[in-house]
């Protein structure tokens, strides 16, 4: 527990929750994790952090958070949420962090306008980290995504595209403050081309979090003009056997301002050549400062 939080007894308004008061303030931290809750509980107006993860909540109704006008962080991860209403987030004008990771809700079930009340949101987490979460098959509508104008950090899955539509479409044009994208589960190979991140001019950090197939095609550097850090975790094993992959990767990245390139658990034990020689040589005269590989069998950093 943090030193500036004072442990309280069980919350008087709900015995399934624990309450913490932040020292010197009236801000209340409410922890209802693992409480077997099936709906959003009633909590006091002065709640600053509300933790509802690992419950059995299936839906978020209209105006359920309307009175929580000072809420800073709302964690609804690892629930069973499959539907929202257009006013589900009404009243959350001061919310900075919204975590909806590991819920079975489809991206198309976020109604247009549902993010409008979130005028201060800087971090949105809507990815899956477990196989139990249903496969994503649709992307956010551009109208829904365009309302997140203050967003700086986004955690999202890559679904199977319908009709060749760009995953990061026109709606991202309005996310002028977006700095980092963390891609959770990839249900379709990610090909980074000149248009993939075209509407994210300040994007400096990209992380592929779970097993993905990721390519940087010729011209891909044009949508990575602000990239500083690229992290790839559990890249699909069958992708890295082709030297052409590394050639495209390095040819494009050396045209960007990248400083850190990191692979984690990407290369199999029977990989028949050491991949860092061609990567290091190709990026030798680039802006890269740190090249890192971490494996179950090997962990090394290579200053460039």
C-alpha atoms as a PDB file:
ATOM      1  CA  UNK A   1       0.000   0.000   0.000  1.00  0.00           C
ATOM      2  CA  UNK A   2       1.258   3.486  -0.790  1.00  0.00           C
ATOM      3  CA  UNK A   3       2.505   5.486   2.175  1.00  0.00           C
ATOM      4  CA  UNK A   4       0.082   8.341   1.548  1.00  0.00           C
ATOM      5  CA  UNK A   5      -2.999   6.096   1.789  1.00  0.00           C
ATOM      6  CA  UNK A   6      -4.605   5.266   5.101  1.00  0.00           C
ATOM      7  CA  UNK A   7      -6.368   1.911   5.356  1.00  0.00           C
ATOM      8  CA  UNK A   8      -9.989   2.178   6.380  1.00  0.00           C
ATOM      9  CA  UNK A   9     -12.395  -0.501   7.477  1.00  0.00           C
ATOM     10  CA  UNK A  10     -14.745  -2.127   5.024  1.00  0.00           C
ATOM     11  CA  UNK A  11     -16.635   0.551   3.100  1.00  0.00           C
ATOM     12  CA  UNK A  12     -19.803   1.428   4.987  1.00  0.00           C
ATOM     13  CA  UNK A  13     -21.729   1.855   1.732  1.00  0.00           C
ATOM     14  CA  UNK A  14     -20.758  -1.608   0.402  1.00  0.00           C
ATOM     15  CA  UNK A  15     -19.252  -4.417   2.453  1.00  0.00           C
ATOM     16  CA  UNK A  16     -17.753  -5.982  -0.688  1.00  0.00           C
ATOM     17  CA  UNK A  17     -15.410  -3.009  -1.100  1.00  0.00           C
ATOM     18  CA  UNK A  18     -12.464  -1.567   0.806  1.00  0.00           C
ATOM     19  CA  UNK A  19     -11.884   2.160   1.243  1.00  0.00           C
ATOM     20  CA  UNK A  20      -8.704   4.189   1.478  1.00  0.00           C
ATOM     21  CA  UNK A  21      -8.451   7.894   2.229  1.00  0.00           C
ATOM     22  CA  UNK A  22      -5.622   9.870   0.693  1.00  0.00           C
ATOM     23  CA  UNK A  23      -3.736  11.642   3.454  1.00  0.00           C
ATOM     24  CA  UNK A  24      -4.525  15.336   3.702  1.00  0.00           C
ATOM     25  CA  UNK A  25      -7.379  15.254   1.192  1.00  0.00           C
ATOM     26  CA  UNK A  26     -10.991  14.198   0.992  1.00  0.00           C
ATOM     27  CA  UNK A  27     -10.257  11.991  -2.015  1.00  0.00           C
ATOM     28  CA  UNK A  28     -11.488   8.447  -1.575  1.00  0.00           C
ATOM     29  CA  UNK A  29      -9.983   5.312  -3.140  1.00  0.00           C
ATOM     30  CA  UNK A  30     -12.518   2.490  -3.425  1.00  0.00           C
ATOM     31  CA  UNK A  31     -11.321  -1.049  -4.131  1.00  0.00           C
ATOM     32  CA  UNK A  32     -14.091  -3.490  -5.095  1.00  0.00           C
ATOM     33  CA  UNK A  33     -11.846  -5.938  -6.983  1.00  0.00           C
ATOM     34  CA  UNK A  34     -12.840  -9.612  -6.804  1.00  0.00           C
ATOM     35  CA  UNK A  35     -16.067  -8.697  -5.053  1.00  0.00           C
ATOM     36  CA  UNK A  36     -18.372 -10.877  -7.173  1.00  0.00           C
ATOM     37  CA  UNK A  37     -20.286  -7.744  -8.168  1.00  0.00           C
ATOM     38  CA  UNK A  38     -22.810  -8.080 -10.995  1.00  0.00           C
ATOM     39  CA  UNK A  39     -23.537  -4.370 -11.398  1.00  0.00           C
ATOM     40  CA  UNK A  40     -21.890  -0.996 -10.815  1.00  0.00           C
ATOM     41  CA  UNK A  41     -22.135  -0.244  -7.071  1.00  0.00           C
ATOM     42  CA  UNK A  42     -23.295   3.028  -5.562  1.00  0.00           C
ATOM     43  CA  UNK A  43     -20.277   4.930  -4.236  1.00  0.00           C
ATOM     44  CA  UNK A  44     -19.788   8.399  -2.683  1.00  0.00           C
ATOM     45  CA  UNK A  45     -19.353  11.484  -4.855  1.00  0.00           C
ATOM     46  CA  UNK A  46     -15.786  12.122  -3.683  1.00  0.00           C
ATOM     47  CA  UNK A  47     -14.369   8.888  -5.109  1.00  0.00           C
ATOM     48  CA  UNK A  48     -11.035   9.574  -6.811  1.00  0.00           C
ATOM     49  CA  UNK A  49     -10.049   6.021  -7.816  1.00  0.00           C
ATOM     50  CA  UNK A  50     -12.613   3.253  -8.346  1.00  0.00           C
ATOM     51  CA  UNK A  51     -11.321  -0.294  -8.858  1.00  0.00           C
ATOM     52  CA  UNK A  52     -13.969  -2.734 -10.122  1.00  0.00           C
ATOM     53  CA  UNK A  53     -11.720  -5.259 -11.840  1.00  0.00           C
ATOM     54  CA  UNK A  54     -12.286  -9.021 -11.699  1.00  0.00           C
ATOM     55  CA  UNK A  55     -16.042  -8.912 -11.121  1.00  0.00           C
ATOM     56  CA  UNK A  56     -19.082 -10.148 -13.069  1.00  0.00           C
ATOM     57  CA  UNK A  57     -20.434  -6.850 -14.384  1.00  0.00           C
ATOM     58  CA  UNK A  58     -22.098  -7.320 -17.794  1.00  0.00           C
ATOM     59  CA  UNK A  59     -23.281  -3.839 -18.760  1.00  0.00           C
ATOM     60  CA  UNK A  60     -22.885  -0.151 -18.032  1.00  0.00           C
ATOM     61  CA  UNK A  61     -26.188   1.682 -18.062  1.00  0.00           C
ATOM     62  CA  UNK A  62     -26.937   5.328 -18.772  1.00  0.00           C
ATOM     63  CA  UNK A  63     -25.810   7.889 -16.172  1.00  0.00           C
ATOM     64  CA  UNK A  64     -24.493   5.265 -13.742  1.00  0.00           C
ATOM     65  CA  UNK A  65     -21.415   7.432 -13.049  1.00  0.00           C
ATOM     66  CA  UNK A  66     -23.163  10.784 -13.372  1.00  0.00           C
ATOM     67  CA  UNK A  67     -22.444  11.948  -9.798  1.00  0.00           C
ATOM     68  CA  UNK A  68     -18.734  10.984  -9.863  1.00  0.00           C
ATOM     69  CA  UNK A  69     -17.546  14.310 -11.229  1.00  0.00           C
ATOM     70  CA  UNK A  70     -14.110  14.115  -9.544  1.00  0.00           C
ATOM     71  CA  UNK A  71     -13.239  10.533 -10.515  1.00  0.00           C
ATOM     72  CA  UNK A  72      -9.662  10.252 -11.798  1.00  0.00           C
ATOM     73  CA  UNK A  73      -9.306   6.517 -12.550  1.00  0.00           C
ATOM     74  CA  UNK A  74     -11.922   3.877 -13.350  1.00  0.00           C
ATOM     75  CA  UNK A  75     -10.807   0.250 -13.668  1.00  0.00           C
ATOM     76  CA  UNK A  76     -13.398  -2.136 -15.119  1.00  0.00           C
ATOM     77  CA  UNK A  77     -10.950  -4.702 -16.476  1.00  0.00           C
ATOM     78  CA  UNK A  78     -11.619  -8.448 -16.314  1.00  0.00           C
ATOM     79  CA  UNK A  79     -15.390  -8.207 -16.179  1.00  0.00           C
ATOM     80  CA  UNK A  80     -18.050  -9.538 -18.553  1.00  0.00           C
ATOM     81  CA  UNK A  81     -19.124  -6.211 -20.056  1.00  0.00           C
ATOM     82  CA  UNK A  82     -20.734  -6.716 -23.449  1.00  0.00           C
ATOM     83  CA  UNK A  83     -22.790  -3.556 -23.891  1.00  0.00           C
ATOM     84  CA  UNK A  84     -22.728   0.180 -23.258  1.00  0.00           C
ATOM     85  CA  UNK A  85     -25.265   2.969 -23.545  1.00  0.00           C
ATOM     86  CA  UNK A  86     -24.745   6.340 -25.191  1.00  0.00           C
ATOM     87  CA  UNK A  87     -24.576   7.996 -21.750  1.00  0.00           C
ATOM     88  CA  UNK A  88     -22.635   5.298 -19.899  1.00  0.00           C
ATOM     89  CA  UNK A  89     -19.782   7.707 -19.139  1.00  0.00           C
ATOM     90  CA  UNK A  90     -21.902  10.789 -18.470  1.00  0.00           C
ATOM     91  CA  UNK A  91     -20.476  12.878 -15.636  1.00  0.00           C
ATOM     92  CA  UNK A  92     -16.876  11.665 -15.955  1.00  0.00           C
ATOM     93  CA  UNK A  93     -15.466  14.969 -17.143  1.00  0.00           C
ATOM     94  CA  UNK A  94     -12.404  14.709 -14.876  1.00  0.00           C
ATOM     95  CA  UNK A  95     -11.612  11.061 -15.650  1.00  0.00           C
ATOM     96  CA  UNK A  96      -8.013  10.588 -16.808  1.00  0.00           C
ATOM     97  CA  UNK A  97      -7.705   6.776 -16.984  1.00  0.00           C
ATOM     98  CA  UNK A  98     -10.337   4.276 -18.193  1.00  0.00           C
ATOM     99  CA  UNK A  99      -9.414   0.584 -18.145  1.00  0.00           C
ATOM    100  CA  UNK A 100     -11.776  -1.777 -19.986  1.00  0.00           C
ATOM    101  CA  UNK A 101      -9.206  -4.474 -20.770  1.00  0.00           C
ATOM    102  CA  UNK A 102     -10.389  -8.072 -20.976  1.00  0.00           C
ATOM    103  CA  UNK A 103     -14.087  -7.554 -21.489  1.00  0.00           C
ATOM    104  CA  UNK A 104     -16.006  -9.308 -24.297  1.00  0.00           C
ATOM    105  CA  UNK A 105     -17.528  -6.087 -25.639  1.00  0.00           C
ATOM    106  CA  UNK A 106     -17.164  -5.612 -29.390  1.00  0.00           C
ATOM    107  CA  UNK A 107     -15.717  -2.341 -30.584  1.00  0.00           C
ATOM    108  CA  UNK A 108     -18.906  -1.708 -32.549  1.00  0.00           C
ATOM    109  CA  UNK A 109     -20.881  -1.823 -29.297  1.00  0.00           C
ATOM    110  CA  UNK A 110     -19.424   1.532 -28.247  1.00  0.00           C
ATOM    111  CA  UNK A 111     -22.237   3.882 -29.343  1.00  0.00           C
ATOM    112  CA  UNK A 112     -21.340   6.999 -31.285  1.00  0.00           C
ATOM    113  CA  UNK A 113     -20.988   9.813 -28.790  1.00  0.00           C
ATOM    114  CA  UNK A 114     -20.347   7.544 -25.815  1.00  0.00           C
ATOM    115  CA  UNK A 115     -16.872   9.067 -25.320  1.00  0.00           C
ATOM    116  CA  UNK A 116     -18.058  12.692 -25.546  1.00  0.00           C
ATOM    117  CA  UNK A 117     -18.216  13.195 -21.734  1.00  0.00           C
ATOM    118  CA  UNK A 118     -14.574  12.061 -21.352  1.00  0.00           C
ATOM    119  CA  UNK A 119     -13.119  15.496 -22.074  1.00  0.00           C
ATOM    120  CA  UNK A 120     -10.042  14.942 -19.872  1.00  0.00           C
ATOM    121  CA  UNK A 121      -9.212  11.304 -20.710  1.00  0.00           C
ATOM    122  CA  UNK A 122      -5.525  10.670 -21.381  1.00  0.00           C
ATOM    123  CA  UNK A 123      -5.368   6.868 -21.199  1.00  0.00           C
ATOM    124  CA  UNK A 124      -7.808   4.311 -22.635  1.00  0.00           C
ATOM    125  CA  UNK A 125      -7.235   0.554 -22.268  1.00  0.00           C
ATOM    126  CA  UNK A 126      -9.482  -1.668 -24.392  1.00  0.00           C
ATOM    127  CA  UNK A 127      -7.321  -4.651 -25.314  1.00  0.00           C
ATOM    128  CA  UNK A 128      -7.519  -8.344 -24.479  1.00  0.00           C
ATOM    129  CA  UNK A 129      -4.773 -10.280 -22.715  1.00  0.00           C
ATOM    130  CA  UNK A 130      -6.513 -13.643 -22.322  1.00  0.00           C
ATOM    131  CA  UNK A 131      -7.834 -16.178 -24.814  1.00  0.00           C
ATOM    132  CA  UNK A 132     -11.152 -16.107 -22.991  1.00  0.00           C
ATOM    133  CA  UNK A 133     -11.993 -12.767 -24.550  1.00  0.00           C
ATOM    134  CA  UNK A 134     -13.922 -13.088 -27.783  1.00  0.00           C
ATOM    135  CA  UNK A 135     -12.061 -12.411 -30.982  1.00  0.00           C
ATOM    136  CA  UNK A 136     -12.374  -8.863 -32.255  1.00  0.00           C
ATOM    137  CA  UNK A 137     -13.937  -8.671 -35.699  1.00  0.00           C
ATOM    138  CA  UNK A 138     -14.755  -4.990 -36.069  1.00  0.00           C
ATOM    139  CA  UNK A 139     -12.987  -1.691 -35.501  1.00  0.00           C
ATOM    140  CA  UNK A 140     -14.187   1.445 -33.758  1.00  0.00           C
ATOM    141  CA  UNK A 141     -16.269   3.750 -35.877  1.00  0.00           C
ATOM    142  CA  UNK A 142     -14.413   6.900 -36.841  1.00  0.00           C
ATOM    143  CA  UNK A 143     -17.116   8.982 -35.173  1.00  0.00           C
ATOM    144  CA  UNK A 144     -16.659   7.215 -31.838  1.00  0.00           C
ATOM    145  CA  UNK A 145     -12.874   7.441 -31.893  1.00  0.00           C
ATOM    146  CA  UNK A 146     -12.862  11.109 -32.927  1.00  0.00           C
ATOM    147  CA  UNK A 147     -14.311  12.164 -29.558  1.00  0.00           C
ATOM    148  CA  UNK A 148     -11.123  11.200 -27.669  1.00  0.00           C
ATOM    149  CA  UNK A 149      -9.359  14.461 -28.435  1.00  0.00           C
ATOM    150  CA  UNK A 150      -7.272  14.560 -25.238  1.00  0.00           C
ATOM    151  CA  UNK A 151      -6.050  10.965 -25.450  1.00  0.00           C
ATOM    152  CA  UNK A 152      -2.300  10.374 -25.031  1.00  0.00           C
ATOM    153  CA  UNK A 153      -2.055   6.606 -24.438  1.00  0.00           C
ATOM    154  CA  UNK A 154      -4.119   3.931 -26.170  1.00  0.00           C
ATOM    155  CA  UNK A 155      -4.161   0.159 -25.586  1.00  0.00           C
ATOM    156  CA  UNK A 156      -6.127  -1.608 -28.316  1.00  0.00           C
ATOM    157  CA  UNK A 157      -6.411  -4.894 -30.223  1.00  0.00           C
ATOM    158  CA  UNK A 158      -5.967  -5.277 -33.960  1.00  0.00           C
ATOM    159  CA  UNK A 159      -9.129  -6.960 -35.275  1.00  0.00           C
ATOM    160  CA  UNK A 160      -9.745  -8.714 -38.539  1.00  0.00           C
ATOM    161  CA  UNK A 161     -10.403  -5.852 -40.992  1.00  0.00           C
ATOM    162  CA  UNK A 162     -13.641  -5.744 -42.931  1.00  0.00           C
ATOM    163  CA  UNK A 163     -13.420  -4.530 -46.513  1.00  0.00           C
ATOM    164  CA  UNK A 164      -9.791  -3.495 -46.229  1.00  0.00           C
ATOM    165  CA  UNK A 165     -10.607  -0.533 -43.987  1.00  0.00           C
ATOM    166  CA  UNK A 166      -7.643   1.091 -42.265  1.00  0.00           C
ATOM    167  CA  UNK A 167      -7.505   0.016 -38.598  1.00  0.00           C
ATOM    168  CA  UNK A 168      -6.330   3.473 -37.570  1.00  0.00           C
ATOM    169  CA  UNK A 169      -8.812   5.350 -39.700  1.00  0.00           C
ATOM    170  CA  UNK A 170     -10.075   8.901 -40.132  1.00  0.00           C
ATOM    171  CA  UNK A 171     -11.227   9.100 -36.521  1.00  0.00           C
ATOM    172  CA  UNK A 172      -7.610   9.201 -35.382  1.00  0.00           C
ATOM    173  CA  UNK A 173      -7.175  12.492 -37.220  1.00  0.00           C
ATOM    174  CA  UNK A 174      -8.609  14.178 -34.109  1.00  0.00           C
ATOM    175  CA  UNK A 175      -6.274  12.482 -31.607  1.00  0.00           C
ATOM    176  CA  UNK A 176      -3.678  15.207 -31.826  1.00  0.00           C
ATOM    177  CA  UNK A 177      -2.145  14.394 -28.434  1.00  0.00           C
ATOM    178  CA  UNK A 178      -1.648  10.653 -28.933  1.00  0.00           C
ATOM    179  CA  UNK A 179       1.866   9.659 -27.855  1.00  0.00           C
ATOM    180  CA  UNK A 180       1.797   5.880 -27.413  1.00  0.00           C
ATOM    181  CA  UNK A 181      -0.084   2.907 -28.844  1.00  0.00           C
ATOM    182  CA  UNK A 182       0.049  -0.492 -27.185  1.00  0.00           C
ATOM    183  CA  UNK A 183      -1.305  -3.184 -29.501  1.00  0.00           C
ATOM    184  CA  UNK A 184      -2.637  -6.146 -27.558  1.00  0.00           C
ATOM    185  CA  UNK A 185      -3.798  -9.186 -29.481  1.00  0.00           C
ATOM    186  CA  UNK A 186      -3.436  -9.179 -33.261  1.00  0.00           C
ATOM    187  CA  UNK A 187      -6.119 -11.077 -35.096  1.00  0.00           C
ATOM    188  CA  UNK A 188      -4.653 -10.001 -38.423  1.00  0.00           C
ATOM    189  CA  UNK A 189      -1.077  -9.269 -39.541  1.00  0.00           C
ATOM    190  CA  UNK A 190      -0.127  -5.636 -39.004  1.00  0.00           C
ATOM    191  CA  UNK A 191       1.466  -4.131 -42.068  1.00  0.00           C
ATOM    192  CA  UNK A 192       2.950  -0.734 -41.298  1.00  0.00           C
ATOM    193  CA  UNK A 193       2.833   1.301 -44.483  1.00  0.00           C
ATOM    194  CA  UNK A 194       2.845   5.001 -45.296  1.00  0.00           C
ATOM    195  CA  UNK A 195      -0.792   5.333 -44.149  1.00  0.00           C
ATOM    196  CA  UNK A 196      -0.958   3.113 -41.042  1.00  0.00           C
ATOM    197  CA  UNK A 197      -0.187   5.852 -38.507  1.00  0.00           C
ATOM    198  CA  UNK A 198      -0.682   8.802 -40.823  1.00  0.00           C
ATOM    199  CA  UNK A 199      -3.032  10.602 -38.414  1.00  0.00           C
ATOM    200  CA  UNK A 200      -0.712  10.291 -35.396  1.00  0.00           C
ATOM    201  CA  UNK A 201       1.975  12.933 -35.939  1.00  0.00           C
ATOM    202  CA  UNK A 202       3.181  12.817 -32.314  1.00  0.00           C
ATOM    203  CA  UNK A 203       3.284   9.028 -31.944  1.00  0.00           C
ATOM    204  CA  UNK A 204       6.611   8.244 -30.259  1.00  0.00           C
ATOM    205  CA  UNK A 205       6.053   4.804 -28.663  1.00  0.00           C
ATOM    206  CA  UNK A 206       4.612   1.673 -30.282  1.00  0.00           C
ATOM    207  CA  UNK A 207       4.417  -1.641 -28.442  1.00  0.00           C
ATOM    208  CA  UNK A 208       3.218  -4.975 -29.822  1.00  0.00           C
ATOM    209  CA  UNK A 209       2.282  -6.714 -26.615  1.00  0.00           C
ATOM    210  CA  UNK A 210       1.202 -10.260 -27.501  1.00  0.00           C
ATOM    211  CA  UNK A 211       1.922 -12.547 -30.454  1.00  0.00           C
ATOM    212  CA  UNK A 212       1.573 -10.568 -33.665  1.00  0.00           C
ATOM    213  CA  UNK A 213       2.654 -10.695 -37.266  1.00  0.00           C
ATOM    214  CA  UNK A 214       4.156  -7.270 -37.962  1.00  0.00           C
ATOM    215  CA  UNK A 215       5.675  -6.022 -41.206  1.00  0.00           C
ATOM    216  CA  UNK A 216       7.122  -2.664 -42.171  1.00  0.00           C
ATOM    217  CA  UNK A 217       6.586  -2.381 -45.875  1.00  0.00           C
ATOM    218  CA  UNK A 218       8.515  -0.032 -48.197  1.00  0.00           C
ATOM    219  CA  UNK A 219       7.409   3.521 -47.429  1.00  0.00           C
ATOM    220  CA  UNK A 220       6.312   2.655 -43.892  1.00  0.00           C
ATOM    221  CA  UNK A 221       8.726   5.171 -42.405  1.00  0.00           C
ATOM    222  CA  UNK A 222       6.450   7.959 -43.649  1.00  0.00           C
ATOM    223  CA  UNK A 223       3.895   7.156 -40.936  1.00  0.00           C
ATOM    224  CA  UNK A 224       6.596   6.797 -38.269  1.00  0.00           C
ATOM    225  CA  UNK A 225       8.142  10.243 -38.422  1.00  0.00           C
ATOM    226  CA  UNK A 226       8.012  10.765 -34.638  1.00  0.00           C
ATOM    227  CA  UNK A 227       8.774   7.221 -33.501  1.00  0.00           C
ATOM    228  CA  UNK A 228      11.374   6.965 -30.731  1.00  0.00           C
ATOM    229  CA  UNK A 229      10.650   3.548 -29.192  1.00  0.00           C
ATOM    230  CA  UNK A 230       9.428   0.298 -30.766  1.00  0.00           C
ATOM    231  CA  UNK A 231       8.814  -2.787 -28.627  1.00  0.00           C
ATOM    232  CA  UNK A 232       7.874  -6.154 -30.150  1.00  0.00           C
ATOM    233  CA  UNK A 233       6.857  -8.988 -27.808  1.00  0.00           C
ATOM    234  CA  UNK A 234       6.176 -12.537 -28.943  1.00  0.00           C
ATOM    235  CA  UNK A 235       6.376 -11.817 -32.652  1.00  0.00           C
ATOM    236  CA  UNK A 236       4.988 -14.670 -34.753  1.00  0.00           C
ATOM    237  CA  UNK A 237       7.827 -17.162 -35.076  1.00  0.00           C
ATOM    238  CA  UNK A 238       7.282 -17.991 -38.735  1.00  0.00           C
ATOM    239  CA  UNK A 239       7.821 -14.375 -39.694  1.00  0.00           C
ATOM    240  CA  UNK A 240      11.394 -13.966 -38.575  1.00  0.00           C
ATOM    241  CA  UNK A 241      12.946 -16.677 -40.739  1.00  0.00           C
ATOM    242  CA  UNK A 242      12.875 -14.462 -43.795  1.00  0.00           C
ATOM    243  CA  UNK A 243      15.856 -12.117 -44.095  1.00  0.00           C
ATOM    244  CA  UNK A 244      13.715  -9.850 -46.233  1.00  0.00           C
ATOM    245  CA  UNK A 245      11.734  -9.020 -43.098  1.00  0.00           C
ATOM    246  CA  UNK A 246      14.858  -7.656 -41.433  1.00  0.00           C
ATOM    247  CA  UNK A 247      15.884  -5.785 -44.559  1.00  0.00           C
ATOM    248  CA  UNK A 248      12.536  -4.009 -44.801  1.00  0.00           C
ATOM    249  CA  UNK A 249      12.546  -3.372 -41.057  1.00  0.00           C
ATOM    250  CA  UNK A 250      15.971  -1.784 -41.006  1.00  0.00           C
ATOM    251  CA  UNK A 251      15.645   0.047 -44.334  1.00  0.00           C
ATOM    252  CA  UNK A 252      12.526   1.805 -43.060  1.00  0.00           C
ATOM    253  CA  UNK A 253      13.524   2.360 -39.424  1.00  0.00           C
ATOM    254  CA  UNK A 254      16.812   4.018 -40.326  1.00  0.00           C
ATOM    255  CA  UNK A 255      14.737   6.733 -42.026  1.00  0.00           C
ATOM    256  CA  UNK A 256      12.985   7.505 -38.729  1.00  0.00           C
ATOM    257  CA  UNK A 257      14.233   9.128 -35.475  1.00  0.00           C
ATOM    258  CA  UNK A 258      13.947   5.813 -33.567  1.00  0.00           C
ATOM    259  CA  UNK A 259      16.196   5.496 -30.501  1.00  0.00           C
ATOM    260  CA  UNK A 260      15.115   2.178 -28.910  1.00  0.00           C
ATOM    261  CA  UNK A 261      14.269  -1.097 -30.666  1.00  0.00           C
ATOM    262  CA  UNK A 262      13.398  -4.049 -28.419  1.00  0.00           C
ATOM    263  CA  UNK A 263      12.382  -7.640 -29.106  1.00  0.00           C
ATOM    264  CA  UNK A 264      11.133  -9.912 -26.322  1.00  0.00           C
ATOM    265  CA  UNK A 265      10.599 -13.681 -26.688  1.00  0.00           C
ATOM    266  CA  UNK A 266      10.590 -13.354 -30.447  1.00  0.00           C
ATOM    267  CA  UNK A 267      13.187 -15.773 -31.728  1.00  0.00           C
ATOM    268  CA  UNK A 268      12.870 -19.518 -31.297  1.00  0.00           C
ATOM    269  CA  UNK A 269      15.610 -21.700 -29.837  1.00  0.00           C
ATOM    270  CA  UNK A 270      16.308 -23.341 -33.189  1.00  0.00           C
ATOM    271  CA  UNK A 271      16.753 -20.050 -35.024  1.00  0.00           C
ATOM    272  CA  UNK A 272      19.561 -20.961 -37.409  1.00  0.00           C
ATOM    273  CA  UNK A 273      21.453 -17.655 -37.509  1.00  0.00           C
ATOM    274  CA  UNK A 274      22.128 -14.767 -35.170  1.00  0.00           C
ATOM    275  CA  UNK A 275      19.741 -11.970 -36.239  1.00  0.00           C
ATOM    276  CA  UNK A 276      21.500  -9.052 -34.599  1.00  0.00           C
ATOM    277  CA  UNK A 277      24.404  -8.861 -36.996  1.00  0.00           C
ATOM    278  CA  UNK A 278      22.353  -7.690 -40.015  1.00  0.00           C
ATOM    279  CA  UNK A 279      20.128  -5.490 -37.825  1.00  0.00           C
ATOM    280  CA  UNK A 280      23.043  -3.825 -36.040  1.00  0.00           C
ATOM    281  CA  UNK A 281      24.974  -3.266 -39.242  1.00  0.00           C
ATOM    282  CA  UNK A 282      21.998  -1.830 -41.093  1.00  0.00           C
ATOM    283  CA  UNK A 283      21.138   0.573 -38.270  1.00  0.00           C
ATOM    284  CA  UNK A 284      24.712   1.502 -37.450  1.00  0.00           C
ATOM    285  CA  UNK A 285      24.434   5.011 -38.886  1.00  0.00           C
ATOM    286  CA  UNK A 286      20.866   5.655 -37.742  1.00  0.00           C
ATOM    287  CA  UNK A 287      19.588   7.483 -34.668  1.00  0.00           C
ATOM    288  CA  UNK A 288      19.218   4.166 -32.804  1.00  0.00           C
ATOM    289  CA  UNK A 289      20.871   4.173 -29.367  1.00  0.00           C
ATOM    290  CA  UNK A 290      19.636   0.915 -27.846  1.00  0.00           C
ATOM    291  CA  UNK A 291      18.940  -2.422 -29.536  1.00  0.00           C
ATOM    292  CA  UNK A 292      17.621  -5.020 -27.130  1.00  0.00           C
ATOM    293  CA  UNK A 293      16.718  -8.697 -27.321  1.00  0.00           C
ATOM    294  CA  UNK A 294      15.249 -10.639 -24.403  1.00  0.00           C
ATOM    295  CA  UNK A 295      14.525 -14.348 -24.687  1.00  0.00           C
ATOM    296  CA  UNK A 296      13.687 -17.092 -22.242  1.00  0.00           C
ATOM    297  CA  UNK A 297      17.116 -18.453 -23.054  1.00  0.00           C
ATOM    298  CA  UNK A 298      18.933 -15.181 -23.686  1.00  0.00           C
ATOM    299  CA  UNK A 299      18.775 -11.530 -22.709  1.00  0.00           C
ATOM    300  CA  UNK A 300      21.152  -8.973 -24.169  1.00  0.00           C
ATOM    301  CA  UNK A 301      21.246  -5.258 -24.840  1.00  0.00           C
ATOM    302  CA  UNK A 302      23.223  -3.830 -27.702  1.00  0.00           C
ATOM    303  CA  UNK A 303      24.073  -0.132 -27.586  1.00  0.00           C
ATOM    304  CA  UNK A 304      24.334   1.011 -31.163  1.00  0.00           C
END
